[in-house]
Amino acid sequence: MRNLFAFIYRFRAFLVFVLLEVLCVYLIVRYNTYQGAAFFNSANKYVGQVLEYQRGITDYFRLSSVNNTLARENAELRRELMQYRVQQESDSTAALDTTLYLASDTSRTAPYLLHAGRVINNSVRRMNNYLTLAIGSADGVEPGMGVISPDGVVGRVKTVSEHYATVTSVLHSQMLVSAKIKKDDTFGTIKWTGGDYRTAMLEYIPLHVHPEEGDTVVTSGFNTVFPEGIPVGTIASVEKEQDKSFYTIKVRLAVDFAQLSYVYVVENTTMYERENLEQQAGVVTDDQ
């Protein structure tokens, strides 16, 4: 212990200098948009590699659970495919109209594309939580794209490098999701206010509607980030408070963010066309 104090005393000036340098770098990155973006982009590649190796070891011991999840998802997809084929075979040509959508016209037949990615870093206990994915620009991922899991909404892509991407989680104080109550299409906004990572608030639901516990909440489709109908959660409690124009609604999120392993990045093939049109018209979208 005496040697340690002697070492610190001997190099006290140098240590103080290093601490001040670190503090200066932190302040520059934290409070300057350009420097902060540059730091995130340059650090993504190197930090992502380390996190990927670390996550690989953890995922090895969770292969059974992951395989079960993938098996259930594949079963659901196969069920939907079978229903689609049965419906196609039972359709009559007399019911068709004069409009024909070719399979190659992806803007009409498939406006949303999914890019599968593995979660290599994740946080749930902070006020502003993020994820890191082992997928990047080389795979077609761009900032602003939505991220979902087989269970529901996860977040939105923030920064991207060639092989990695960071995602602003739904568990972020500034992340808003345009949602609606499925049974009557009453739309509001999902916002996480901290605390329990399994619950969030559904805001701006007017008093003339009648939400109930157990009602399903899904994405509204009012923006270009998420398709309509992606699960968000179920209503856990509804309170009608005095002197308020809206209900206080708590929603149990569909996604267990502590158990995320694989997610899908959602690419909207018509996003830029719609956003450009809305910008020209002066339309402002508050929800993410």
C-alpha atoms as a PDB file:
ATOM      1  CA  MET A   1       0.000   0.000   0.000  1.00  0.00           C
ATOM      2  CA  ARG A   2       2.850   2.373   0.834  1.00  0.00           C
ATOM      3  CA  ASN A   3       4.390   1.732  -2.591  1.00  0.00           C
ATOM      4  CA  LEU A   4       1.077   2.489  -4.269  1.00  0.00           C
ATOM      5  CA  PHE A   5       0.779   5.869  -2.544  1.00  0.00           C
ATOM      6  CA  ALA A   6       4.407   6.595  -3.385  1.00  0.00           C
ATOM      7  CA  PHE A   7       3.743   5.804  -7.045  1.00  0.00           C
ATOM      8  CA  ILE A   8       0.657   8.058  -7.142  1.00  0.00           C
ATOM      9  CA  TYR A   9       2.553  10.883  -5.421  1.00  0.00           C
ATOM     10  CA  ARG A  10       5.484  10.567  -7.786  1.00  0.00           C
ATOM     11  CA  PHE A  11       3.363  10.704 -10.931  1.00  0.00           C
ATOM     12  CA  ARG A  12       0.610  12.941  -9.576  1.00  0.00           C
ATOM     13  CA  ALA A  13       1.046  15.615 -12.220  1.00  0.00           C
ATOM     14  CA  PHE A  14       0.866  13.119 -15.068  1.00  0.00           C
ATOM     15  CA  LEU A  15      -2.178  11.384 -13.583  1.00  0.00           C
ATOM     16  CA  VAL A  16      -4.017  14.684 -13.131  1.00  0.00           C
ATOM     17  CA  PHE A  17      -3.176  15.557 -16.740  1.00  0.00           C
ATOM     18  CA  VAL A  18      -4.602  12.248 -17.980  1.00  0.00           C
ATOM     19  CA  LEU A  19      -7.794  12.676 -15.962  1.00  0.00           C
ATOM     20  CA  LEU A  20      -8.324  16.186 -17.318  1.00  0.00           C
ATOM     21  CA  GLU A  21      -7.757  14.958 -20.877  1.00  0.00           C
ATOM     22  CA  VAL A  22     -10.326  12.223 -20.440  1.00  0.00           C
ATOM     23  CA  LEU A  23     -12.799  14.731 -18.997  1.00  0.00           C
ATOM     24  CA  CYS A  24     -12.247  17.089 -21.933  1.00  0.00           C
ATOM     25  CA  VAL A  25     -12.829  14.320 -24.491  1.00  0.00           C
ATOM     26  CA  TYR A  26     -16.018  13.270 -22.698  1.00  0.00           C
ATOM     27  CA  LEU A  27     -17.381  16.837 -22.651  1.00  0.00           C
ATOM     28  CA  ILE A  28     -16.579  17.360 -26.335  1.00  0.00           C
ATOM     29  CA  VAL A  29     -18.295  14.126 -27.401  1.00  0.00           C
ATOM     30  CA  ARG A  30     -21.232  14.566 -25.011  1.00  0.00           C
ATOM     31  CA  TYR A  31     -22.179  18.131 -25.893  1.00  0.00           C
ATOM     32  CA  ASN A  32     -21.197  18.459 -29.580  1.00  0.00           C
ATOM     33  CA  THR A  33     -23.386  16.739 -32.178  1.00  0.00           C
ATOM     34  CA  TYR A  34     -20.748  16.411 -34.901  1.00  0.00           C
ATOM     35  CA  GLN A  35     -18.009  15.093 -32.618  1.00  0.00           C
ATOM     36  CA  GLY A  36     -20.463  12.751 -30.925  1.00  0.00           C
ATOM     37  CA  ALA A  37     -21.580  11.271 -34.250  1.00  0.00           C
ATOM     38  CA  ALA A  38     -17.974  10.883 -35.408  1.00  0.00           C
ATOM     39  CA  PHE A  39     -17.069   9.109 -32.158  1.00  0.00           C
ATOM     40  CA  PHE A  40     -19.990   6.673 -32.426  1.00  0.00           C
ATOM     41  CA  ASN A  41     -19.221   5.822 -36.054  1.00  0.00           C
ATOM     42  CA  SER A  42     -15.504   5.243 -35.486  1.00  0.00           C
ATOM     43  CA  ALA A  43     -15.973   3.315 -32.246  1.00  0.00           C
ATOM     44  CA  ASN A  44     -18.712   1.023 -33.576  1.00  0.00           C
ATOM     45  CA  LYS A  45     -16.358  -1.199 -35.558  1.00  0.00           C
ATOM     46  CA  TYR A  46     -13.788  -1.846 -32.822  1.00  0.00           C
ATOM     47  CA  VAL A  47     -16.155  -2.027 -29.872  1.00  0.00           C
ATOM     48  CA  GLY A  48     -18.526  -4.172 -31.890  1.00  0.00           C
ATOM     49  CA  GLN A  49     -15.873  -6.816 -32.527  1.00  0.00           C
ATOM     50  CA  VAL A  50     -15.078  -7.157 -28.833  1.00  0.00           C
ATOM     51  CA  LEU A  51     -18.769  -7.285 -27.921  1.00  0.00           C
ATOM     52  CA  GLU A  52     -19.415  -9.880 -30.609  1.00  0.00           C
ATOM     53  CA  TYR A  53     -16.787 -12.233 -29.183  1.00  0.00           C
ATOM     54  CA  GLN A  54     -18.154 -11.703 -25.676  1.00  0.00           C
ATOM     55  CA  ARG A  55     -21.731 -12.284 -26.783  1.00  0.00           C
ATOM     56  CA  GLY A  56     -20.715 -15.392 -28.731  1.00  0.00           C
ATOM     57  CA  ILE A  57     -19.614 -17.096 -25.528  1.00  0.00           C
ATOM     58  CA  THR A  58     -22.863 -16.153 -23.767  1.00  0.00           C
ATOM     59  CA  ASP A  59     -25.034 -17.266 -26.692  1.00  0.00           C
ATOM     60  CA  TYR A  60     -23.388 -20.699 -26.676  1.00  0.00           C
ATOM     61  CA  PHE A  61     -25.102 -21.499 -23.391  1.00  0.00           C
ATOM     62  CA  ARG A  62     -28.476 -20.213 -24.674  1.00  0.00           C
ATOM     63  CA  LEU A  63     -28.648 -22.188 -27.925  1.00  0.00           C
ATOM     64  CA  SER A  64     -31.491 -24.361 -26.686  1.00  0.00           C
ATOM     65  CA  SER A  65     -33.722 -21.399 -25.897  1.00  0.00           C
ATOM     66  CA  VAL A  66     -32.848 -19.646 -29.166  1.00  0.00           C
ATOM     67  CA  ASN A  67     -33.586 -22.778 -31.197  1.00  0.00           C
ATOM     68  CA  ASN A  68     -36.969 -23.130 -29.512  1.00  0.00           C
ATOM     69  CA  THR A  69     -37.826 -19.521 -30.370  1.00  0.00           C
ATOM     70  CA  LEU A  70     -36.787 -19.993 -33.997  1.00  0.00           C
ATOM     71  CA  ALA A  71     -38.761 -23.222 -34.223  1.00  0.00           C
ATOM     72  CA  ARG A  72     -41.941 -21.523 -32.965  1.00  0.00           C
ATOM     73  CA  GLU A  73     -41.454 -18.647 -35.383  1.00  0.00           C
ATOM     74  CA  ASN A  74     -40.909 -21.012 -38.324  1.00  0.00           C
ATOM     75  CA  ALA A  75     -44.033 -22.922 -37.361  1.00  0.00           C
ATOM     76  CA  GLU A  76     -46.060 -19.710 -37.396  1.00  0.00           C
ATOM     77  CA  LEU A  77     -44.639 -18.678 -40.773  1.00  0.00           C
ATOM     78  CA  ARG A  78     -45.436 -22.082 -42.247  1.00  0.00           C
ATOM     79  CA  ARG A  79     -48.998 -21.838 -40.928  1.00  0.00           C
ATOM     80  CA  GLU A  80     -49.465 -18.456 -42.572  1.00  0.00           C
ATOM     81  CA  LEU A  81     -47.992 -19.772 -45.822  1.00  0.00           C
ATOM     82  CA  MET A  82     -50.416 -22.672 -45.838  1.00  0.00           C
ATOM     83  CA  GLN A  83     -53.357 -20.340 -45.227  1.00  0.00           C
ATOM     84  CA  TYR A  84     -52.176 -18.114 -48.053  1.00  0.00           C
ATOM     85  CA  ARG A  85     -51.932 -21.034 -50.478  1.00  0.00           C
ATOM     86  CA  VAL A  86     -55.385 -22.278 -49.557  1.00  0.00           C
ATOM     87  CA  GLN A  87     -56.809 -18.810 -50.054  1.00  0.00           C
ATOM     88  CA  GLN A  88     -55.084 -18.446 -53.428  1.00  0.00           C
ATOM     89  CA  GLU A  89     -56.437 -21.790 -54.618  1.00  0.00           C
ATOM     90  CA  SER A  90     -59.982 -20.929 -53.552  1.00  0.00           C
ATOM     91  CA  ASP A  91     -59.986 -17.493 -55.191  1.00  0.00           C
ATOM     92  CA  SER A  92     -61.987 -17.127 -58.390  1.00  0.00           C
ATOM     93  CA  THR A  93     -60.707 -15.143 -61.361  1.00  0.00           C
ATOM     94  CA  ALA A  94     -64.129 -13.500 -61.558  1.00  0.00           C
ATOM     95  CA  ALA A  95     -63.347 -11.680 -58.284  1.00  0.00           C
ATOM     96  CA  LEU A  96     -60.203 -10.033 -59.671  1.00  0.00           C
ATOM     97  CA  ASP A  97     -60.264  -6.400 -60.701  1.00  0.00           C
ATOM     98  CA  THR A  98     -58.382  -4.771 -63.590  1.00  0.00           C
ATOM     99  CA  THR A  99     -55.292  -3.935 -61.506  1.00  0.00           C
ATOM    100  CA  LEU A 100     -52.290  -6.250 -61.728  1.00  0.00           C
ATOM    101  CA  TYR A 101     -49.280  -6.081 -59.384  1.00  0.00           C
ATOM    102  CA  LEU A 102     -46.253  -7.885 -60.758  1.00  0.00           C
ATOM    103  CA  ALA A 103     -44.113  -9.899 -58.355  1.00  0.00           C
ATOM    104  CA  SER A 104     -41.064  -7.817 -59.294  1.00  0.00           C
ATOM    105  CA  ASP A 105     -42.805  -4.595 -58.251  1.00  0.00           C
ATOM    106  CA  THR A 106     -41.564  -4.672 -54.646  1.00  0.00           C
ATOM    107  CA  SER A 107     -42.868  -1.185 -53.893  1.00  0.00           C
ATOM    108  CA  ARG A 108     -46.407  -2.582 -54.119  1.00  0.00           C
ATOM    109  CA  THR A 109     -46.136  -6.243 -53.186  1.00  0.00           C
ATOM    110  CA  ALA A 110     -43.469  -6.012 -50.481  1.00  0.00           C
ATOM    111  CA  PRO A 111     -42.944  -2.462 -49.158  1.00  0.00           C
ATOM    112  CA  TYR A 112     -41.092  -3.837 -46.138  1.00  0.00           C
ATOM    113  CA  LEU A 113     -37.943  -5.975 -46.193  1.00  0.00           C
ATOM    114  CA  LEU A 114     -36.477  -7.684 -43.115  1.00  0.00           C
ATOM    115  CA  HIS A 115     -32.768  -8.018 -42.323  1.00  0.00           C
ATOM    116  CA  ALA A 116     -31.999 -10.525 -39.561  1.00  0.00           C
ATOM    117  CA  GLY A 117     -29.311  -9.538 -37.054  1.00  0.00           C
ATOM    118  CA  ARG A 118     -27.839 -10.883 -33.828  1.00  0.00           C
ATOM    119  CA  VAL A 119     -27.875  -8.782 -30.648  1.00  0.00           C
ATOM    120  CA  ILE A 120     -24.320  -8.574 -29.256  1.00  0.00           C
ATOM    121  CA  ASN A 121     -24.892  -5.898 -26.613  1.00  0.00           C
ATOM    122  CA  ASN A 122     -27.978  -4.721 -24.765  1.00  0.00           C
ATOM    123  CA  SER A 123     -28.963  -2.659 -21.715  1.00  0.00           C
ATOM    124  CA  VAL A 124     -32.265  -2.459 -19.820  1.00  0.00           C
ATOM    125  CA  ARG A 125     -31.422  -0.784 -16.500  1.00  0.00           C
ATOM    126  CA  ARG A 126     -30.478   2.718 -17.640  1.00  0.00           C
ATOM    127  CA  MET A 127     -32.695   5.680 -18.428  1.00  0.00           C
ATOM    128  CA  ASN A 128     -31.491   5.654 -22.039  1.00  0.00           C
ATOM    129  CA  ASN A 129     -30.897   2.114 -23.282  1.00  0.00           C
ATOM    130  CA  TYR A 130     -29.288   0.923 -26.511  1.00  0.00           C
ATOM    131  CA  LEU A 131     -28.603  -2.298 -28.395  1.00  0.00           C
ATOM    132  CA  THR A 132     -25.709  -3.263 -30.654  1.00  0.00           C
ATOM    133  CA  LEU A 133     -26.364  -5.549 -33.627  1.00  0.00           C
ATOM    134  CA  ALA A 134     -23.911  -7.637 -35.643  1.00  0.00           C
ATOM    135  CA  ILE A 135     -25.323  -6.244 -38.901  1.00  0.00           C
ATOM    136  CA  GLY A 136     -24.463  -3.028 -40.711  1.00  0.00           C
ATOM    137  CA  SER A 137     -24.406  -1.038 -43.940  1.00  0.00           C
ATOM    138  CA  ALA A 138     -22.940  -3.988 -45.843  1.00  0.00           C
ATOM    139  CA  ASP A 139     -26.228  -5.797 -45.115  1.00  0.00           C
ATOM    140  CA  GLY A 140     -28.456  -2.902 -46.194  1.00  0.00           C
ATOM    141  CA  VAL A 141     -29.010  -1.336 -42.762  1.00  0.00           C
ATOM    142  CA  GLU A 142     -29.301   2.457 -42.545  1.00  0.00           C
ATOM    143  CA  PRO A 143     -29.931   4.916 -39.692  1.00  0.00           C
ATOM    144  CA  GLY A 144     -33.615   5.500 -38.994  1.00  0.00           C
ATOM    145  CA  MET A 145     -34.827   1.992 -39.807  1.00  0.00           C
ATOM    146  CA  GLY A 146     -37.109   0.248 -37.349  1.00  0.00           C
ATOM    147  CA  VAL A 147     -36.130  -2.868 -35.410  1.00  0.00           C
ATOM    148  CA  ILE A 148     -38.544  -5.617 -34.368  1.00  0.00           C
ATOM    149  CA  SER A 149     -38.349  -9.100 -32.862  1.00  0.00           C
ATOM    150  CA  PRO A 150     -40.677 -12.079 -33.300  1.00  0.00           C
ATOM    151  CA  ASP A 151     -42.570 -10.736 -30.254  1.00  0.00           C
ATOM    152  CA  GLY A 152     -42.902  -7.059 -31.200  1.00  0.00           C
ATOM    153  CA  VAL A 153     -41.303  -3.607 -31.448  1.00  0.00           C
ATOM    154  CA  VAL A 154     -37.678  -3.238 -30.275  1.00  0.00           C
ATOM    155  CA  GLY A 155     -36.427   0.191 -31.348  1.00  0.00           C
ATOM    156  CA  ARG A 156     -34.864   2.259 -34.119  1.00  0.00           C
ATOM    157  CA  VAL A 157     -31.405   2.203 -35.725  1.00  0.00           C
ATOM    158  CA  LYS A 158     -29.244   5.116 -34.556  1.00  0.00           C
ATOM    159  CA  THR A 159     -25.766   4.693 -36.071  1.00  0.00           C
ATOM    160  CA  VAL A 160     -24.321   2.218 -38.553  1.00  0.00           C
ATOM    161  CA  SER A 161     -20.840   1.022 -39.510  1.00  0.00           C
ATOM    162  CA  GLU A 162     -20.005  -1.546 -42.176  1.00  0.00           C
ATOM    163  CA  HIS A 163     -20.763  -4.579 -40.030  1.00  0.00           C
ATOM    164  CA  TYR A 164     -22.442  -3.208 -36.879  1.00  0.00           C
ATOM    165  CA  ALA A 165     -25.346  -0.991 -35.868  1.00  0.00           C
ATOM    166  CA  THR A 166     -26.489   0.662 -32.665  1.00  0.00           C
ATOM    167  CA  VAL A 167     -30.208   0.805 -31.905  1.00  0.00           C
ATOM    168  CA  THR A 168     -32.157   3.229 -29.738  1.00  0.00           C
ATOM    169  CA  SER A 169     -34.279   0.884 -27.652  1.00  0.00           C
ATOM    170  CA  VAL A 170     -37.944   1.402 -26.823  1.00  0.00           C
ATOM    171  CA  LEU A 171     -36.499   1.646 -23.302  1.00  0.00           C
ATOM    172  CA  HIS A 172     -35.164   5.134 -24.030  1.00  0.00           C
ATOM    173  CA  SER A 173     -36.518   8.374 -22.591  1.00  0.00           C
ATOM    174  CA  GLN A 174     -36.670  10.042 -26.021  1.00  0.00           C
ATOM    175  CA  MET A 175     -38.014   7.109 -28.039  1.00  0.00           C
ATOM    176  CA  LEU A 176     -41.665   7.471 -29.089  1.00  0.00           C
ATOM    177  CA  VAL A 177     -43.674   4.836 -30.931  1.00  0.00           C
ATOM    178  CA  SER A 178     -46.920   5.645 -32.741  1.00  0.00           C
ATOM    179  CA  ALA A 179     -49.365   2.965 -31.594  1.00  0.00           C
ATOM    180  CA  LYS A 180     -53.065   2.184 -31.435  1.00  0.00           C
ATOM    181  CA  ILE A 181     -55.495   0.049 -29.472  1.00  0.00           C
ATOM    182  CA  LYS A 182     -56.233  -2.814 -31.811  1.00  0.00           C
ATOM    183  CA  LYS A 183     -59.913  -3.330 -31.003  1.00  0.00           C
ATOM    184  CA  ASP A 184     -61.059   0.204 -31.958  1.00  0.00           C
ATOM    185  CA  ASP A 185     -58.037   1.755 -33.773  1.00  0.00           C
ATOM    186  CA  THR A 186     -57.683   4.561 -31.218  1.00  0.00           C
ATOM    187  CA  PHE A 187     -54.137   5.803 -31.691  1.00  0.00           C
ATOM    188  CA  GLY A 188     -51.725   7.235 -29.136  1.00  0.00           C
ATOM    189  CA  THR A 189     -48.021   7.230 -28.308  1.00  0.00           C
ATOM    190  CA  ILE A 190     -45.935   4.658 -26.453  1.00  0.00           C
ATOM    191  CA  LYS A 191     -43.275   6.163 -24.184  1.00  0.00           C
ATOM    192  CA  TRP A 192     -41.039   4.529 -21.594  1.00  0.00           C
ATOM    193  CA  THR A 193     -40.684   6.609 -18.435  1.00  0.00           C
ATOM    194  CA  GLY A 194     -38.042   4.518 -16.677  1.00  0.00           C
ATOM    195  CA  GLY A 195     -38.215   1.898 -13.964  1.00  0.00           C
ATOM    196  CA  ASP A 196     -39.619  -1.492 -14.931  1.00  0.00           C
ATOM    197  CA  TYR A 197     -38.276  -2.549 -18.338  1.00  0.00           C
ATOM    198  CA  ARG A 198     -41.400  -4.629 -18.991  1.00  0.00           C
ATOM    199  CA  THR A 199     -43.875  -1.725 -18.882  1.00  0.00           C
ATOM    200  CA  ALA A 200     -44.374   1.592 -20.683  1.00  0.00           C
ATOM    201  CA  MET A 201     -47.057   4.283 -20.916  1.00  0.00           C
ATOM    202  CA  LEU A 202     -49.667   4.701 -23.659  1.00  0.00           C
ATOM    203  CA  GLU A 203     -50.318   8.436 -23.879  1.00  0.00           C
ATOM    204  CA  TYR A 204     -52.956  10.650 -25.527  1.00  0.00           C
ATOM    205  CA  ILE A 205     -55.891   8.215 -25.353  1.00  0.00           C
ATOM    206  CA  PRO A 206     -59.001  10.451 -25.026  1.00  0.00           C
ATOM    207  CA  LEU A 207     -61.630   9.959 -22.357  1.00  0.00           C
ATOM    208  CA  HIS A 208     -64.521   9.219 -24.726  1.00  0.00           C
ATOM    209  CA  VAL A 209     -63.085   5.799 -25.636  1.00  0.00           C
ATOM    210  CA  HIS A 210     -63.185   2.777 -23.348  1.00  0.00           C
ATOM    211  CA  PRO A 211     -59.820   0.998 -23.070  1.00  0.00           C
ATOM    212  CA  GLU A 212     -59.732  -2.081 -20.839  1.00  0.00           C
ATOM    213  CA  GLU A 213     -57.109  -4.243 -19.210  1.00  0.00           C
ATOM    214  CA  GLY A 214     -55.950  -6.921 -21.607  1.00  0.00           C
ATOM    215  CA  ASP A 215     -56.554  -4.878 -24.773  1.00  0.00           C
ATOM    216  CA  THR A 216     -53.848  -5.371 -27.391  1.00  0.00           C
ATOM    217  CA  VAL A 217     -51.695  -2.415 -28.459  1.00  0.00           C
ATOM    218  CA  VAL A 218     -50.021  -2.491 -31.896  1.00  0.00           C
ATOM    219  CA  THR A 219     -48.157  -0.070 -34.153  1.00  0.00           C
ATOM    220  CA  SER A 220     -50.387   2.372 -36.013  1.00  0.00           C
ATOM    221  CA  GLY A 221     -48.519   2.449 -39.324  1.00  0.00           C
ATOM    222  CA  PHE A 222     -48.729   6.267 -39.297  1.00  0.00           C
ATOM    223  CA  ASN A 223     -44.992   6.619 -39.907  1.00  0.00           C
ATOM    224  CA  THR A 224     -42.366   5.060 -42.164  1.00  0.00           C
ATOM    225  CA  VAL A 225     -40.513   3.193 -39.421  1.00  0.00           C
ATOM    226  CA  PHE A 226     -42.782   0.290 -38.448  1.00  0.00           C
ATOM    227  CA  PRO A 227     -45.433  -1.579 -40.444  1.00  0.00           C
ATOM    228  CA  GLU A 228     -48.975  -1.421 -39.136  1.00  0.00           C
ATOM    229  CA  GLY A 229     -50.022  -4.096 -36.664  1.00  0.00           C
ATOM    230  CA  ILE A 230     -46.677  -4.997 -35.068  1.00  0.00           C
ATOM    231  CA  PRO A 231     -47.346  -5.971 -31.412  1.00  0.00           C
ATOM    232  CA  VAL A 232     -46.330  -3.448 -28.764  1.00  0.00           C
ATOM    233  CA  GLY A 233     -47.961  -4.949 -25.695  1.00  0.00           C
ATOM    234  CA  THR A 234     -51.178  -5.314 -23.729  1.00  0.00           C
ATOM    235  CA  ILE A 235     -52.875  -2.818 -21.443  1.00  0.00           C
ATOM    236  CA  ALA A 236     -52.008  -3.592 -17.817  1.00  0.00           C
ATOM    237  CA  SER A 237     -53.966  -0.795 -16.098  1.00  0.00           C
ATOM    238  CA  VAL A 238     -56.241   2.127 -16.959  1.00  0.00           C
ATOM    239  CA  GLU A 239     -56.714   5.157 -14.713  1.00  0.00           C
ATOM    240  CA  LYS A 240     -58.979   8.154 -15.214  1.00  0.00           C
ATOM    241  CA  GLU A 241     -57.531  11.035 -13.250  1.00  0.00           C
ATOM    242  CA  GLN A 242     -59.238  14.320 -12.454  1.00  0.00           C
ATOM    243  CA  ASP A 243     -58.305  17.461 -14.393  1.00  0.00           C
ATOM    244  CA  LYS A 244     -56.741  15.383 -17.197  1.00  0.00           C
ATOM    245  CA  SER A 245     -57.973  15.112 -20.763  1.00  0.00           C
ATOM    246  CA  PHE A 246     -56.445  11.683 -21.365  1.00  0.00           C
ATOM    247  CA  TYR A 247     -56.282   8.325 -19.610  1.00  0.00           C
ATOM    248  CA  THR A 248     -53.214   7.201 -17.708  1.00  0.00           C
ATOM    249  CA  ILE A 249     -52.564   3.808 -19.298  1.00  0.00           C
ATOM    250  CA  LYS A 250     -49.786   1.389 -18.428  1.00  0.00           C
ATOM    251  CA  VAL A 251     -48.834  -1.166 -21.068  1.00  0.00           C
ATOM    252  CA  ARG A 252     -46.981  -4.430 -20.498  1.00  0.00           C
ATOM    253  CA  LEU A 253     -44.514  -4.616 -23.378  1.00  0.00           C
ATOM    254  CA  ALA A 254     -44.649  -7.655 -25.637  1.00  0.00           C
ATOM    255  CA  VAL A 255     -40.854  -7.876 -25.888  1.00  0.00           C
ATOM    256  CA  ASP A 256     -38.736  -9.081 -22.986  1.00  0.00           C
ATOM    257  CA  PHE A 257     -35.699  -6.875 -23.632  1.00  0.00           C
ATOM    258  CA  ALA A 258     -33.556  -8.853 -21.204  1.00  0.00           C
ATOM    259  CA  GLN A 259     -33.877 -11.967 -23.398  1.00  0.00           C
ATOM    260  CA  LEU A 260     -33.217 -10.545 -26.880  1.00  0.00           C
ATOM    261  CA  SER A 261     -30.915 -12.622 -29.086  1.00  0.00           C
ATOM    262  CA  TYR A 262     -32.051 -12.089 -32.686  1.00  0.00           C
ATOM    263  CA  VAL A 263     -34.003  -9.204 -34.200  1.00  0.00           C
ATOM    264  CA  TYR A 264     -35.126  -7.943 -37.617  1.00  0.00           C
ATOM    265  CA  VAL A 265     -34.203  -4.551 -39.064  1.00  0.00           C
ATOM    266  CA  VAL A 266     -37.181  -3.253 -41.075  1.00  0.00           C
ATOM    267  CA  GLU A 267     -36.431  -1.627 -44.427  1.00  0.00           C
ATOM    268  CA  ASN A 268     -39.317   0.383 -45.869  1.00  0.00           C
ATOM    269  CA  THR A 269     -38.782   0.491 -49.636  1.00  0.00           C
ATOM    270  CA  THR A 270     -41.135   3.472 -50.015  1.00  0.00           C
ATOM    271  CA  MET A 271     -39.849   5.436 -47.015  1.00  0.00           C
ATOM    272  CA  TYR A 272     -37.990   8.165 -48.887  1.00  0.00           C
ATOM    273  CA  GLU A 273     -40.843   8.798 -51.316  1.00  0.00           C
ATOM    274  CA  ARG A 274     -43.303   9.302 -48.468  1.00  0.00           C
ATOM    275  CA  GLU A 275     -40.946  11.380 -46.314  1.00  0.00           C
ATOM    276  CA  ASN A 276     -40.078  13.682 -49.235  1.00  0.00           C
ATOM    277  CA  LEU A 277     -43.751  14.187 -50.037  1.00  0.00           C
ATOM    278  CA  GLU A 278     -44.627  14.967 -46.402  1.00  0.00           C
ATOM    279  CA  GLN A 279     -41.701  17.397 -46.151  1.00  0.00           C
ATOM    280  CA  GLN A 280     -42.868  19.215 -49.269  1.00  0.00           C
ATOM    281  CA  ALA A 281     -46.362  19.448 -47.800  1.00  0.00           C
ATOM    282  CA  GLY A 282     -45.055  20.675 -44.453  1.00  0.00           C
ATOM    283  CA  VAL A 283     -46.361  17.640 -42.569  1.00  0.00           C
ATOM    284  CA  VAL A 284     -44.699  17.217 -39.166  1.00  0.00           C
ATOM    285  CA  THR A 285     -44.512  13.759 -37.581  1.00  0.00           C
ATOM    286  CA  ASP A 286     -43.819  13.735 -33.846  1.00  0.00           C
ATOM    287  CA  ASP A 287     -43.825   9.982 -33.246  1.00  0.00           C
ATOM    288  CA  GLN A 288     -40.807   7.875 -34.165  1.00  0.00           C
END
